[in-house]
C-alpha atoms as a PDB file:
ATOM      1  CA  MET A   1      29.623  56.149 -77.742  1.00  0.00           C
ATOM      2  CA  THR A   2      27.047  58.906 -77.354  1.00  0.00           C
ATOM      3  CA  GLN A   3      26.544  61.617 -79.982  1.00  0.00           C
ATOM      4  CA  PRO A   4      28.127  64.368 -77.808  1.00  0.00           C
ATOM      5  CA  GLU A   5      31.158  62.138 -77.173  1.00  0.00           C
ATOM      6  CA  ARG A   6      31.332  61.448 -80.925  1.00  0.00           C
ATOM      7  CA  ILE A   7      31.522  65.209 -81.512  1.00  0.00           C
ATOM      8  CA  ILE A   8      34.549  65.411 -79.208  1.00  0.00           C
ATOM      9  CA  GLU A   9      36.185  62.467 -80.949  1.00  0.00           C
ATOM     10  CA  LEU A  10      35.585  64.017 -84.372  1.00  0.00           C
ATOM     11  CA  SER A  11      37.002  67.366 -83.245  1.00  0.00           C
ATOM     12  CA  ARG A  12      40.145  65.559 -82.075  1.00  0.00           C
ATOM     13  CA  GLN A  13      40.398  63.713 -85.389  1.00  0.00           C
ATOM     14  CA  VAL A  14      39.994  66.995 -87.312  1.00  0.00           C
ATOM     15  CA  GLY A  15      42.779  68.512 -85.214  1.00  0.00           C
ATOM     16  CA  GLU A  16      45.081  65.574 -85.859  1.00  0.00           C
ATOM     17  CA  ILE A  17      44.339  65.605 -89.617  1.00  0.00           C
ATOM     18  CA  ALA A  18      44.872  69.381 -89.837  1.00  0.00           C
ATOM     19  CA  GLU A  19      48.146  69.150 -87.934  1.00  0.00           C
ATOM     20  CA  SER A  20      49.360  66.331 -90.192  1.00  0.00           C
ATOM     21  CA  LYS A  21      48.429  68.102 -93.448  1.00  0.00           C
ATOM     22  CA  ILE A  22      49.917  71.432 -92.346  1.00  0.00           C
ATOM     23  CA  SER A  23      53.120  69.590 -91.435  1.00  0.00           C
ATOM     24  CA  GLN A  24      53.176  68.079 -94.926  1.00  0.00           C
ATOM     25  CA  ILE A  25      52.600  71.508 -96.505  1.00  0.00           C
ATOM     26  CA  ASN A  26      55.491  72.975 -94.484  1.00  0.00           C
ATOM     27  CA  GLN A  27      57.737  70.123 -95.572  1.00  0.00           C
ATOM     28  CA  ILE A  28      56.849  70.709 -99.226  1.00  0.00           C
ATOM     29  CA  THR A  29      57.450  74.451 -98.975  1.00  0.00           C
ATOM     30  CA  ARG A  30      60.830  73.842 -97.333  1.00  0.00           C
ATOM     31  CA  GLU A  31      61.790  71.556-100.198  1.00  0.00           C
ATOM     32  CA  THR A  32      60.473  74.131-102.696  1.00  0.00           C
ATOM     33  CA  ARG A  33      62.587  76.900-101.144  1.00  0.00           C
ATOM     34  CA  ILE A  34      65.664  74.712-101.351  1.00  0.00           C
ATOM     35  CA  LEU A  35      64.977  74.014-105.029  1.00  0.00           C
ATOM     36  CA  ALA A  36      64.417  77.739-105.669  1.00  0.00           C
ATOM     37  CA  LEU A  37      67.685  78.577-103.920  1.00  0.00           C
ATOM     38  CA  ASN A  38      69.542  76.012-105.995  1.00  0.00           C
ATOM     39  CA  ALA A  39      67.922  77.393-109.142  1.00  0.00           C
ATOM     40  CA  LEU A  40      69.046  80.931-108.231  1.00  0.00           C
ATOM     41  CA  ILE A  41      72.597  79.702-107.736  1.00  0.00           C
ATOM     42  CA  GLU A  42      72.604  77.942-111.104  1.00  0.00           C
ATOM     43  CA  SER A  43      71.078  80.949-112.857  1.00  0.00           C
ATOM     44  CA  ALA A  44      73.808  83.175-111.409  1.00  0.00           C
ATOM     45  CA  ARG A  45      76.435  80.826-112.761  1.00  0.00           C
ATOM     46  CA  ALA A  46      74.788  80.919-116.199  1.00  0.00           C
ATOM     47  CA  GLY A  47      75.116  84.680-116.303  1.00  0.00           C
ATOM     48  CA  GLU A  48      72.976  86.537-118.836  1.00  0.00           C
ATOM     49  CA  ALA A  49      71.566  83.289-120.220  1.00  0.00           C
ATOM     50  CA  GLY A  50      70.188  82.278-116.845  1.00  0.00           C
ATOM     51  CA  LYS A  51      68.617  85.622-115.981  1.00  0.00           C
ATOM     52  CA  GLY A  52      65.072  84.588-116.942  1.00  0.00           C
ATOM     53  CA  PHE A  53      65.369  81.347-115.050  1.00  0.00           C
ATOM     54  CA  GLY A  54      66.531  83.311-112.010  1.00  0.00           C
ATOM     55  CA  VAL A  55      63.391  85.472-112.129  1.00  0.00           C
ATOM     56  CA  VAL A  56      61.190  82.366-112.111  1.00  0.00           C
ATOM     57  CA  ALA A  57      63.200  80.887-109.226  1.00  0.00           C
ATOM     58  CA  SER A  58      62.752  84.102-107.220  1.00  0.00           C
ATOM     59  CA  GLU A  59      58.984  84.017-107.756  1.00  0.00           C
ATOM     60  CA  VAL A  60      58.844  80.379-106.677  1.00  0.00           C
ATOM     61  CA  LYS A  61      60.682  81.317-103.477  1.00  0.00           C
ATOM     62  CA  VAL A  62      58.234  84.150-102.762  1.00  0.00           C
ATOM     63  CA  ILE A  63      55.220  81.872-103.360  1.00  0.00           C
ATOM     64  CA  SER A  64      56.767  79.239-101.113  1.00  0.00           C
ATOM     65  CA  GLU A  65      57.188  81.781 -98.303  1.00  0.00           C
ATOM     66  CA  ARG A  66      53.570  82.927 -98.733  1.00  0.00           C
ATOM     67  CA  ILE A  67      52.366  79.325 -98.515  1.00  0.00           C
ATOM     68  CA  THR A  68      54.395  78.900 -95.317  1.00  0.00           C
ATOM     69  CA  GLN A  69      52.759  82.016 -93.807  1.00  0.00           C
ATOM     70  CA  ILE A  70      49.291  80.791 -94.757  1.00  0.00           C
ATOM     71  CA  ALA A  71      50.036  77.371 -93.274  1.00  0.00           C
ATOM     72  CA  GLN A  72      51.186  79.013 -90.029  1.00  0.00           C
ATOM     73  CA  GLN A  73      48.044  81.168 -89.891  1.00  0.00           C
ATOM     74  CA  LEU A  74      45.886  78.131 -90.627  1.00  0.00           C
ATOM     75  CA  SER A  75      47.618  76.179 -87.860  1.00  0.00           C
ATOM     76  CA  THR A  76      47.098  78.988 -85.338  1.00  0.00           C
ATOM     77  CA  GLU A  77      43.447  79.624 -86.235  1.00  0.00           C
ATOM     78  CA  LEU A  78      42.521  75.941 -86.454  1.00  0.00           C
ATOM     79  CA  ALA A  79      44.239  75.138 -83.168  1.00  0.00           C
ATOM     80  CA  GLY A  80      42.201  77.799 -81.355  1.00  0.00           C
ATOM     81  CA  SER A  81      38.909  76.740 -82.930  1.00  0.00           C
ATOM     82  CA  ILE A  82      39.488  73.029 -82.412  1.00  0.00           C
ATOM     83  CA  THR A  83      40.483  73.603 -78.773  1.00  0.00           C
ATOM     84  CA  GLU A  84      37.339  75.638 -78.192  1.00  0.00           C
ATOM     85  CA  LEU A  85      35.233  72.982 -79.946  1.00  0.00           C
ATOM     86  CA  SER A  86      36.750  70.268 -77.744  1.00  0.00           C
ATOM     87  CA  VAL A  87      36.126  72.269 -74.565  1.00  0.00           C
ATOM     88  CA  LEU A  88      32.530  72.998 -75.554  1.00  0.00           C
ATOM     89  CA  GLY A  89      32.018  69.359 -76.525  1.00  0.00           C
ATOM     90  CA  GLU A  90      33.374  68.129 -73.195  1.00  0.00           C
ATOM     91  CA  ARG A  91      31.074  70.533 -71.347  1.00  0.00           C
ATOM     92  CA  LEU A  92      28.152  69.282 -73.396  1.00  0.00           C
ATOM     93  CA  VAL A  93      29.028  65.665 -72.630  1.00  0.00           C
ATOM     94  CA  ARG A  94      29.288  66.420 -68.900  1.00  0.00           C
ATOM     95  CA  HIS A  95      25.948  68.210 -68.942  1.00  0.00           C
ATOM     96  CA  VAL A  96      24.144  65.542 -70.959  1.00  0.00           C
ATOM     97  CA  ARG A  97      25.556  62.705 -68.881  1.00  0.00           C
ATOM     98  CA  GLY A  98      25.131  64.540 -65.598  1.00  0.00           C
ATOM     99  CA  GLN A  99      21.522  65.402 -66.402  1.00  0.00           C
ATOM    100  CA  ARG A 100      20.838  61.803 -67.383  1.00  0.00           C
ATOM    101  CA  LEU A 101      22.319  60.496 -64.120  1.00  0.00           C
ATOM    102  CA  SER A 102      20.259  63.048 -62.215  1.00  0.00           C
ATOM    103  CA  ASP A 103      17.124  61.842 -64.019  1.00  0.00           C
ATOM    104  CA  LEU A 104      17.955  58.229 -63.145  1.00  0.00           C
ATOM    105  CA  ALA A 105      18.450  59.222 -59.508  1.00  0.00           C
ATOM    106  CA  LEU A 106      15.100  61.023 -59.492  1.00  0.00           C
ATOM    107  CA  ASN A 107      13.376  58.002 -61.012  1.00  0.00           C
ATOM    108  CA  MET A 108      14.744  55.747 -58.252  1.00  0.00           C
ATOM    109  CA  ILE A 109      13.674  57.998 -55.396  1.00  0.00           C
ATOM    110  CA  GLU A 110      10.251  58.554 -56.953  1.00  0.00           C
ATOM    111  CA  ILE A 111       9.677  54.787 -57.113  1.00  0.00           C
ATOM    112  CA  ILE A 112      10.643  54.523 -53.447  1.00  0.00           C
ATOM    113  CA  ASP A 113       8.387  57.447 -52.513  1.00  0.00           C
ATOM    114  CA  ARG A 114       5.362  55.882 -54.176  1.00  0.00           C
ATOM    115  CA  ASN A 115       6.100  52.574 -52.508  1.00  0.00           C
ATOM    116  CA  LEU A 116       6.482  54.105 -49.057  1.00  0.00           C
ATOM    117  CA  TYR A 117       3.389  56.253 -49.513  1.00  0.00           C
ATOM    118  CA  GLU A 118       1.444  52.987 -49.656  1.00  0.00           C
ATOM    119  CA  ARG A 119       3.086  51.916 -46.389  1.00  0.00           C
ATOM    120  CA  SER A 120       1.914  55.131 -44.736  1.00  0.00           C
ATOM    121  CA  CYS A 121      -1.631  54.371 -45.894  1.00  0.00           C
ATOM    122  CA  ASP A 122      -1.444  50.759 -44.704  1.00  0.00           C
ATOM    123  CA  VAL A 123      -0.419  51.588 -41.151  1.00  0.00           C
ATOM    124  CA  ARG A 124      -3.243  54.129 -40.714  1.00  0.00           C
ATOM    125  CA  TRP A 125      -5.816  51.779 -42.177  1.00  0.00           C
ATOM    126  CA  TRP A 126      -4.825  48.673 -40.215  1.00  0.00           C
ATOM    127  CA  ALA A 127      -4.725  50.613 -36.934  1.00  0.00           C
ATOM    128  CA  THR A 128      -8.526  50.857 -37.195  1.00  0.00           C
ATOM    129  CA  ASP A 129      -8.973  47.098 -37.660  1.00  0.00           C
ATOM    130  CA  ALA A 130     -11.495  45.756 -35.135  1.00  0.00           C
ATOM    131  CA  ALA A 131      -9.188  42.928 -34.071  1.00  0.00           C
ATOM    132  CA  ALA A 132      -6.392  45.379 -33.217  1.00  0.00           C
ATOM    133  CA  VAL A 133      -8.762  47.654 -31.277  1.00  0.00           C
ATOM    134  CA  ASP A 134     -10.356  44.734 -29.411  1.00  0.00           C
ATOM    135  CA  ALA A 135      -6.972  43.327 -28.417  1.00  0.00           C
ATOM    136  CA  LEU A 136      -6.263  46.568 -26.529  1.00  0.00           C
ATOM    137  CA  GLU A 137      -9.752  47.418 -25.286  1.00  0.00           C
ATOM    138  CA  GLN A 138     -10.505  43.848 -24.148  1.00  0.00           C
ATOM    139  CA  PRO A 139      -7.109  42.566 -23.030  1.00  0.00           C
ATOM    140  CA  GLY A 140      -6.753  38.831 -22.798  1.00  0.00           C
ATOM    141  CA  SER A 141      -5.098  35.879 -24.464  1.00  0.00           C
ATOM    142  CA  ASP A 142      -8.023  35.165 -26.784  1.00  0.00           C
ATOM    143  CA  SER A 143      -8.271  38.703 -28.157  1.00  0.00           C
ATOM    144  CA  ALA A 144      -4.486  38.864 -28.555  1.00  0.00           C
ATOM    145  CA  ARG A 145      -4.386  35.531 -30.419  1.00  0.00           C
ATOM    146  CA  HIS A 146      -7.237  36.686 -32.641  1.00  0.00           C
ATOM    147  CA  ALA A 147      -5.338  39.900 -33.384  1.00  0.00           C
ATOM    148  CA  SER A 148      -2.220  37.883 -34.275  1.00  0.00           C
ATOM    149  CA  ARG A 149      -4.241  35.706 -36.641  1.00  0.00           C
ATOM    150  CA  ARG A 150      -5.737  38.809 -38.227  1.00  0.00           C
ATOM    151  CA  LEU A 151      -2.296  40.333 -38.678  1.00  0.00           C
ATOM    152  CA  GLY A 152      -1.153  37.064 -40.222  1.00  0.00           C
ATOM    153  CA  VAL A 153      -3.971  37.198 -42.770  1.00  0.00           C
ATOM    154  CA  ILE A 154      -2.887  40.722 -43.703  1.00  0.00           C
ATOM    155  CA  LEU A 155       0.739  39.616 -44.098  1.00  0.00           C
ATOM    156  CA  ASN A 156      -0.280  36.785 -46.420  1.00  0.00           C
ATOM    157  CA  SER A 157      -1.708  39.399 -48.790  1.00  0.00           C
ATOM    158  CA  TYR A 158       0.952  42.068 -48.282  1.00  0.00           C
ATOM    159  CA  THR A 159       4.206  40.187 -48.774  1.00  0.00           C
ATOM    160  CA  VAL A 160       6.410  43.293 -48.593  1.00  0.00           C
ATOM    161  CA  TYR A 161       6.258  43.276 -44.781  1.00  0.00           C
ATOM    162  CA  LEU A 162       8.360  41.264 -42.358  1.00  0.00           C
ATOM    163  CA  ASP A 163       5.920  41.628 -39.491  1.00  0.00           C
ATOM    164  CA  LEU A 164       3.171  43.725 -37.884  1.00  0.00           C
ATOM    165  CA  TRP A 165       3.127  44.376 -34.148  1.00  0.00           C
ATOM    166  CA  ILE A 166       0.522  45.610 -31.685  1.00  0.00           C
ATOM    167  CA  ALA A 167       1.922  47.169 -28.508  1.00  0.00           C
ATOM    168  CA  ASP A 168      -0.221  48.274 -25.573  1.00  0.00           C
ATOM    169  CA  ALA A 169       0.007  51.705 -23.972  1.00  0.00           C
ATOM    170  CA  SER A 170       2.847  50.581 -21.703  1.00  0.00           C
ATOM    171  CA  GLY A 171       4.940  49.492 -24.680  1.00  0.00           C
ATOM    172  CA  ARG A 172       4.532  45.713 -24.332  1.00  0.00           C
ATOM    173  CA  VAL A 173       3.965  43.831 -27.603  1.00  0.00           C
ATOM    174  CA  ILE A 174       0.805  41.739 -27.232  1.00  0.00           C
ATOM    175  CA  ALA A 175       0.382  40.468 -30.818  1.00  0.00           C
ATOM    176  CA  ASN A 176       2.350  40.028 -34.040  1.00  0.00           C
ATOM    177  CA  GLY A 177       1.549  38.577 -37.437  1.00  0.00           C
ATOM    178  CA  ARG A 178       4.292  35.938 -37.549  1.00  0.00           C
ATOM    179  CA  PRO A 179       4.684  34.543 -34.020  1.00  0.00           C
ATOM    180  CA  GLU A 180       6.081  31.248 -35.361  1.00  0.00           C
ATOM    181  CA  THR A 181       8.833  33.024 -37.309  1.00  0.00           C
ATOM    182  CA  TYR A 182       9.600  35.760 -34.787  1.00  0.00           C
ATOM    183  CA  SER A 183       8.894  34.079 -31.477  1.00  0.00           C
ATOM    184  CA  ARG A 184      10.643  36.671 -29.280  1.00  0.00           C
ATOM    185  CA  VAL A 185       8.384  39.541 -30.310  1.00  0.00           C
ATOM    186  CA  ILE A 186       5.332  38.945 -28.098  1.00  0.00           C
ATOM    187  CA  GLY A 187       6.068  40.214 -24.617  1.00  0.00           C
ATOM    188  CA  ALA A 188       8.949  42.417 -25.770  1.00  0.00           C
ATOM    189  CA  ASP A 189       9.193  45.870 -24.206  1.00  0.00           C
ATOM    190  CA  VAL A 190       9.344  48.497 -26.978  1.00  0.00           C
ATOM    191  CA  SER A 191       8.456  51.475 -24.790  1.00  0.00           C
ATOM    192  CA  GLY A 192      11.895  53.002 -25.317  1.00  0.00           C
ATOM    193  CA  THR A 193      11.856  52.807 -29.101  1.00  0.00           C
ATOM    194  CA  SER A 194      11.375  55.919 -31.191  1.00  0.00           C
ATOM    195  CA  TRP A 195       8.651  54.334 -33.306  1.00  0.00           C
ATOM    196  CA  PHE A 196       6.516  53.465 -30.265  1.00  0.00           C
ATOM    197  CA  ARG A 197       6.874  56.901 -28.674  1.00  0.00           C
ATOM    198  CA  ALA A 198       6.161  58.667 -31.958  1.00  0.00           C
ATOM    199  CA  GLY A 199       3.174  56.419 -32.637  1.00  0.00           C
ATOM    200  CA  MET A 200       1.628  57.182 -29.243  1.00  0.00           C
ATOM    201  CA  ALA A 201       2.210  60.900 -29.876  1.00  0.00           C
ATOM    202  CA  THR A 202       0.389  61.067 -33.229  1.00  0.00           C
ATOM    203  CA  ALA A 203      -2.315  63.725 -33.160  1.00  0.00           C
ATOM    204  CA  SER A 204      -5.051  61.689 -34.841  1.00  0.00           C
ATOM    205  CA  GLY A 205      -5.741  58.671 -36.989  1.00  0.00           C
ATOM    206  CA  ASP A 206      -4.719  60.730 -40.003  1.00  0.00           C
ATOM    207  CA  HIS A 207      -1.138  60.936 -38.771  1.00  0.00           C
ATOM    208  CA  TYR A 208       1.723  58.443 -38.741  1.00  0.00           C
ATOM    209  CA  ALA A 209       5.451  58.291 -38.042  1.00  0.00           C
ATOM    210  CA  ALA A 210       8.101  57.017 -40.455  1.00  0.00           C
ATOM    211  CA  PHE A 211      11.729  56.212 -39.725  1.00  0.00           C
ATOM    212  CA  ASP A 212      15.075  55.727 -41.451  1.00  0.00           C
ATOM    213  CA  ILE A 213      16.305  52.242 -42.261  1.00  0.00           C
ATOM    214  CA  GLU A 214      17.688  50.194 -39.385  1.00  0.00           C
ATOM    215  CA  ARG A 215      18.246  46.591 -38.431  1.00  0.00           C
ATOM    216  CA  SER A 216      15.729  45.005 -36.054  1.00  0.00           C
ATOM    217  CA  ALA A 217      17.172  42.591 -33.516  1.00  0.00           C
ATOM    218  CA  LEU A 218      13.753  40.991 -32.924  1.00  0.00           C
ATOM    219  CA  LEU A 219      13.337  40.418 -36.685  1.00  0.00           C
ATOM    220  CA  ASP A 220      16.566  38.447 -37.118  1.00  0.00           C
ATOM    221  CA  ASN A 221      18.559  41.639 -37.639  1.00  0.00           C
ATOM    222  CA  ARG A 222      16.832  42.293 -40.973  1.00  0.00           C
ATOM    223  CA  GLN A 223      16.762  45.766 -42.534  1.00  0.00           C
ATOM    224  CA  VAL A 224      13.409  47.446 -41.944  1.00  0.00           C
ATOM    225  CA  ALA A 225      11.586  50.654 -42.747  1.00  0.00           C
ATOM    226  CA  THR A 226       9.296  51.182 -39.763  1.00  0.00           C
ATOM    227  CA  TYR A 227       5.930  52.944 -39.793  1.00  0.00           C
ATOM    228  CA  ALA A 228       3.775  53.502 -36.721  1.00  0.00           C
ATOM    229  CA  THR A 229       0.580  55.135 -35.606  1.00  0.00           C
ATOM    230  CA  ALA A 230      -1.636  55.011 -32.532  1.00  0.00           C
ATOM    231  CA  ILE A 231      -4.459  52.501 -32.205  1.00  0.00           C
ATOM    232  CA  ARG A 232      -7.303  54.594 -30.816  1.00  0.00           C
ATOM    233  CA  ARG A 233     -10.256  53.871 -28.614  1.00  0.00           C
ATOM    234  CA  GLY A 234     -13.215  52.670 -30.619  1.00  0.00           C
ATOM    235  CA  GLY A 235     -11.094  52.739 -33.782  1.00  0.00           C
ATOM    236  CA  GLU A 236     -12.085  56.388 -34.132  1.00  0.00           C
ATOM    237  CA  SER A 237      -9.743  58.887 -35.792  1.00  0.00           C
ATOM    238  CA  ASN A 238      -9.947  61.210 -32.780  1.00  0.00           C
ATOM    239  CA  GLY A 239     -10.137  58.520 -30.092  1.00  0.00           C
ATOM    240  CA  ALA A 240      -7.647  58.400 -27.242  1.00  0.00           C
ATOM    241  CA  PRO A 241      -4.462  56.388 -27.989  1.00  0.00           C
ATOM    242  CA  ILE A 242      -4.597  52.961 -26.349  1.00  0.00           C
ATOM    243  CA  GLY A 243      -1.582  51.412 -28.050  1.00  0.00           C
ATOM    244  CA  VAL A 244       0.530  51.457 -31.206  1.00  0.00           C
ATOM    245  CA  LEU A 245       0.597  49.526 -34.459  1.00  0.00           C
ATOM    246  CA  GLY A 246       4.104  49.120 -35.855  1.00  0.00           C
ATOM    247  CA  VAL A 247       4.593  47.850 -39.404  1.00  0.00           C
ATOM    248  CA  PHE A 248       7.998  46.666 -40.571  1.00  0.00           C
ATOM    249  CA  PHE A 249       8.619  46.949 -44.298  1.00  0.00           C
ATOM    250  CA  ASP A 250      11.028  44.356 -45.695  1.00  0.00           C
ATOM    251  CA  TRP A 251      13.423  46.983 -47.004  1.00  0.00           C
ATOM    252  CA  GLU A 252      16.378  45.107 -48.492  1.00  0.00           C
ATOM    253  CA  PRO A 253      14.774  43.138 -51.379  1.00  0.00           C
ATOM    254  CA  GLN A 254      12.463  45.997 -52.343  1.00  0.00           C
ATOM    255  CA  ALA A 255      15.249  48.585 -52.354  1.00  0.00           C
ATOM    256  CA  GLU A 256      17.626  46.246 -54.192  1.00  0.00           C
ATOM    257  CA  ALA A 257      15.066  45.822 -56.966  1.00  0.00           C
ATOM    258  CA  VAL A 258      14.936  49.598 -57.383  1.00  0.00           C
ATOM    259  CA  VAL A 259      18.708  50.264 -57.497  1.00  0.00           C
ATOM    260  CA  GLN A 260      19.283  47.246 -59.760  1.00  0.00           C
ATOM    261  CA  GLY A 261      16.467  48.296 -62.080  1.00  0.00           C
ATOM    262  CA  SER A 262      18.009  51.532 -63.372  1.00  0.00           C
ATOM    263  CA  HIS A 263      18.216  51.796 -67.159  1.00  0.00           C
ATOM    264  CA  LEU A 264      21.948  51.406 -67.711  1.00  0.00           C
ATOM    265  CA  SER A 265      23.895  49.828 -70.541  1.00  0.00           C
ATOM    266  CA  ASP A 266      26.113  46.822 -69.835  1.00  0.00           C
ATOM    267  CA  ASP A 267      29.224  49.028 -70.100  1.00  0.00           C
ATOM    268  CA  GLU A 268      27.754  51.536 -67.663  1.00  0.00           C
ATOM    269  CA  ARG A 269      26.854  48.896 -65.086  1.00  0.00           C
ATOM    270  CA  ARG A 270      30.524  47.966 -64.711  1.00  0.00           C
ATOM    271  CA  THR A 271      31.483  51.509 -63.700  1.00  0.00           C
ATOM    272  CA  THR A 272      28.300  52.857 -62.102  1.00  0.00           C
ATOM    273  CA  ARG A 273      26.830  52.681 -58.593  1.00  0.00           C
ATOM    274  CA  CYS A 274      23.141  53.336 -58.027  1.00  0.00           C
ATOM    275  CA  LEU A 275      22.449  54.325 -54.430  1.00  0.00           C
ATOM    276  CA  LEU A 276      19.730  55.388 -52.057  1.00  0.00           C
ATOM    277  CA  VAL A 277      20.996  57.475 -49.144  1.00  0.00           C
ATOM    278  CA  ASP A 278      19.231  58.917 -46.117  1.00  0.00           C
ATOM    279  CA  SER A 279      19.208  62.545 -44.968  1.00  0.00           C
ATOM    280  CA  GLN A 280      22.666  62.064 -43.434  1.00  0.00           C
ATOM    281  CA  HIS A 281      23.928  60.664 -46.763  1.00  0.00           C
ATOM    282  CA  ARG A 282      24.277  57.198 -45.249  1.00  0.00           C
ATOM    283  CA  VAL A 283      23.925  54.457 -47.869  1.00  0.00           C
ATOM    284  CA  ILE A 284      20.658  52.560 -47.364  1.00  0.00           C
ATOM    285  CA  ALA A 285      20.738  50.655 -50.669  1.00  0.00           C
ATOM    286  CA  ALA A 286      23.485  50.057 -53.242  1.00  0.00           C
ATOM    287  CA  SER A 287      23.478  48.302 -56.612  1.00  0.00           C
ATOM    288  CA  ASP A 288      26.862  46.749 -55.778  1.00  0.00           C
ATOM    289  CA  GLY A 289      25.785  45.782 -52.254  1.00  0.00           C
ATOM    290  CA  ARG A 290      28.656  47.698 -50.625  1.00  0.00           C
ATOM    291  CA  GLY A 291      28.485  50.099 -47.688  1.00  0.00           C
ATOM    292  CA  VAL A 292      24.824  49.575 -46.793  1.00  0.00           C
ATOM    293  CA  LEU A 293      24.069  51.230 -43.412  1.00  0.00           C
ATOM    294  CA  SER A 294      27.773  52.042 -42.927  1.00  0.00           C
ATOM    295  CA  GLU A 295      29.101  54.176 -45.805  1.00  0.00           C
ATOM    296  CA  ILE A 296      28.588  57.936 -45.871  1.00  0.00           C
ATOM    297  CA  VAL A 297      28.526  59.414 -49.378  1.00  0.00           C
ATOM    298  CA  PRO A 298      30.291  62.806 -49.679  1.00  0.00           C
ATOM    299  CA  LEU A 299      27.402  64.565 -51.419  1.00  0.00           C
ATOM    300  CA  ASP A 300      27.638  68.348 -51.749  1.00  0.00           C
ATOM    301  CA  THR A 301      24.298  69.281 -53.285  1.00  0.00           C
ATOM    302  CA  SER A 302      24.717  73.041 -52.749  1.00  0.00           C
ATOM    303  CA  ARG A 303      21.105  72.975 -51.517  1.00  0.00           C
ATOM    304  CA  GLN A 304      19.849  71.910 -54.918  1.00  0.00           C
ATOM    305  CA  LYS A 305      17.061  69.348 -55.107  1.00  0.00           C
ATOM    306  CA  THR A 306      18.457  67.747 -58.257  1.00  0.00           C
ATOM    307  CA  GLY A 307      21.702  68.106 -60.147  1.00  0.00           C
ATOM    308  CA  PHE A 308      25.085  66.552 -60.739  1.00  0.00           C
ATOM    309  CA  ILE A 309      28.647  66.931 -59.534  1.00  0.00           C
ATOM    310  CA  GLN A 310      31.911  66.130 -61.309  1.00  0.00           C
ATOM    311  CA  LYS A 311      34.818  65.423 -58.977  1.00  0.00           C
ATOM    312  CA  ASP A 312      37.771  63.046 -58.703  1.00  0.00           C
ATOM    313  CA  GLY A 313      37.105  61.439 -62.086  1.00  0.00           C
ATOM    314  CA  LYS A 314      33.465  60.690 -61.348  1.00  0.00           C
ATOM    315  CA  ILE A 315      30.111  62.218 -62.253  1.00  0.00           C
ATOM    316  CA  THR A 316      27.463  61.991 -59.538  1.00  0.00           C
ATOM    317  CA  GLY A 317      23.797  62.632 -60.301  1.00  0.00           C
ATOM    318  CA  PHE A 318      21.466  63.183 -57.352  1.00  0.00           C
ATOM    319  CA  ALA A 319      17.813  63.892 -56.602  1.00  0.00           C
ATOM    320  CA  LEU A 320      16.124  64.734 -53.308  1.00  0.00           C
ATOM    321  CA  THR A 321      12.943  62.897 -52.421  1.00  0.00           C
ATOM    322  CA  PRO A 322       9.984  64.885 -53.767  1.00  0.00           C
ATOM    323  CA  GLY A 323       7.508  62.899 -51.669  1.00  0.00           C
ATOM    324  CA  TYR A 324       4.226  61.570 -52.957  1.00  0.00           C
ATOM    325  CA  GLU A 325       0.693  62.527 -51.957  1.00  0.00           C
ATOM    326  CA  THR A 326       0.621  62.663 -48.131  1.00  0.00           C
ATOM    327  CA  TYR A 327       4.069  61.064 -47.818  1.00  0.00           C
ATOM    328  CA  ARG A 328       6.563  63.915 -47.621  1.00  0.00           C
ATOM    329  CA  GLY A 329       9.632  61.748 -47.454  1.00  0.00           C
ATOM    330  CA  LEU A 330      12.486  61.719 -44.957  1.00  0.00           C
ATOM    331  CA  GLY A 331      15.060  63.768 -46.851  1.00  0.00           C
ATOM    332  CA  TRP A 332      16.442  60.762 -48.714  1.00  0.00           C
ATOM    333  CA  TYR A 333      18.292  61.020 -52.041  1.00  0.00           C
ATOM    334  CA  GLY A 334      18.623  58.919 -55.124  1.00  0.00           C
ATOM    335  CA  VAL A 335      22.295  58.949 -56.191  1.00  0.00           C
ATOM    336  CA  VAL A 336      24.034  57.597 -59.304  1.00  0.00           C
ATOM    337  CA  VAL A 337      27.857  57.635 -59.337  1.00  0.00           C
ATOM    338  CA  GLN A 338      29.601  56.950 -62.641  1.00  0.00           C
ATOM    339  CA  ASP A 339      33.222  57.001 -63.786  1.00  0.00           C
ATOM    340  CA  ALA A 340      33.651  60.114 -65.926  1.00  0.00           C
ATOM    341  CA  GLY A 341      35.233  58.175 -68.796  1.00  0.00           C
ATOM    342  CA  VAL A 342      32.484  55.585 -69.250  1.00  0.00           C
ATOM    343  CA  GLU A 343      31.046  55.136 -72.732  1.00  0.00           C
ATOM    344  CA  GLU A 344      27.459  54.173 -73.461  1.00  0.00           C
END
């Protein structure tokens, strides 16, 4: 139990103790009044001899009534204060927990941003590789095979990619890094794909195109984050586009490591979902594996970049991608959804 939640629990205990003790006081005063009344009756029967005893009995009755009034005032004042303390404590708990979930969400999306920034650097760098340029400037089976071997060498060092493709200006794939694994890639027509068109349209070698997560039929229907840029004549930054390099980031295992790596207690993990969602709030990674590429998260951010929402018994922390260096992000969010009653 967190310290703010402990404050709420203590305020409830104080309320219960106060209510119990005030009830006991009222019971005692009721019994005292009855005894005083009986004493007054007996003193009246005793006549002159019981007059002094009657005075004492009357005073006891008055004191008993005063104690009852004080107990009632104490009950009223304590009830108001304890209620206010509980409300303030619950608000504090919501804020502390909500802010923490928001921070966790921001940490997840920042890790992804830094990772994908490297992908944006890779695609621009490899598009200038001599083997890629030669394969397009000197078309032929030998240059294409050499380019495939070169792409394979790159993939052996950069294990986060499923494959790298070189497509000519017409949109036909002429080389890929793993032809043995993905045998249908070479010769495929990708001219109608968004990544090819965007790659050909990049203004210079400093530019690239990045895309939301999708499944690639030619890569065994695996989830990919695709990056593309033009391969330019002479490998020059301002050379004319002669084809496109497409790089396909192996999204699922990398994203799963991020959403599973959030700093949560064992109790929290049972009632918490860590998610990455795209700009349309479609789930692109989930710590519980559910809803990936199909579920839409109802996320009303009220145009805030970070924050939290409490609704329907859940607290949802969120954070918009801040981007990293030259990678501006695609409007993705880190999202952490937790049952409101969870204890740490």
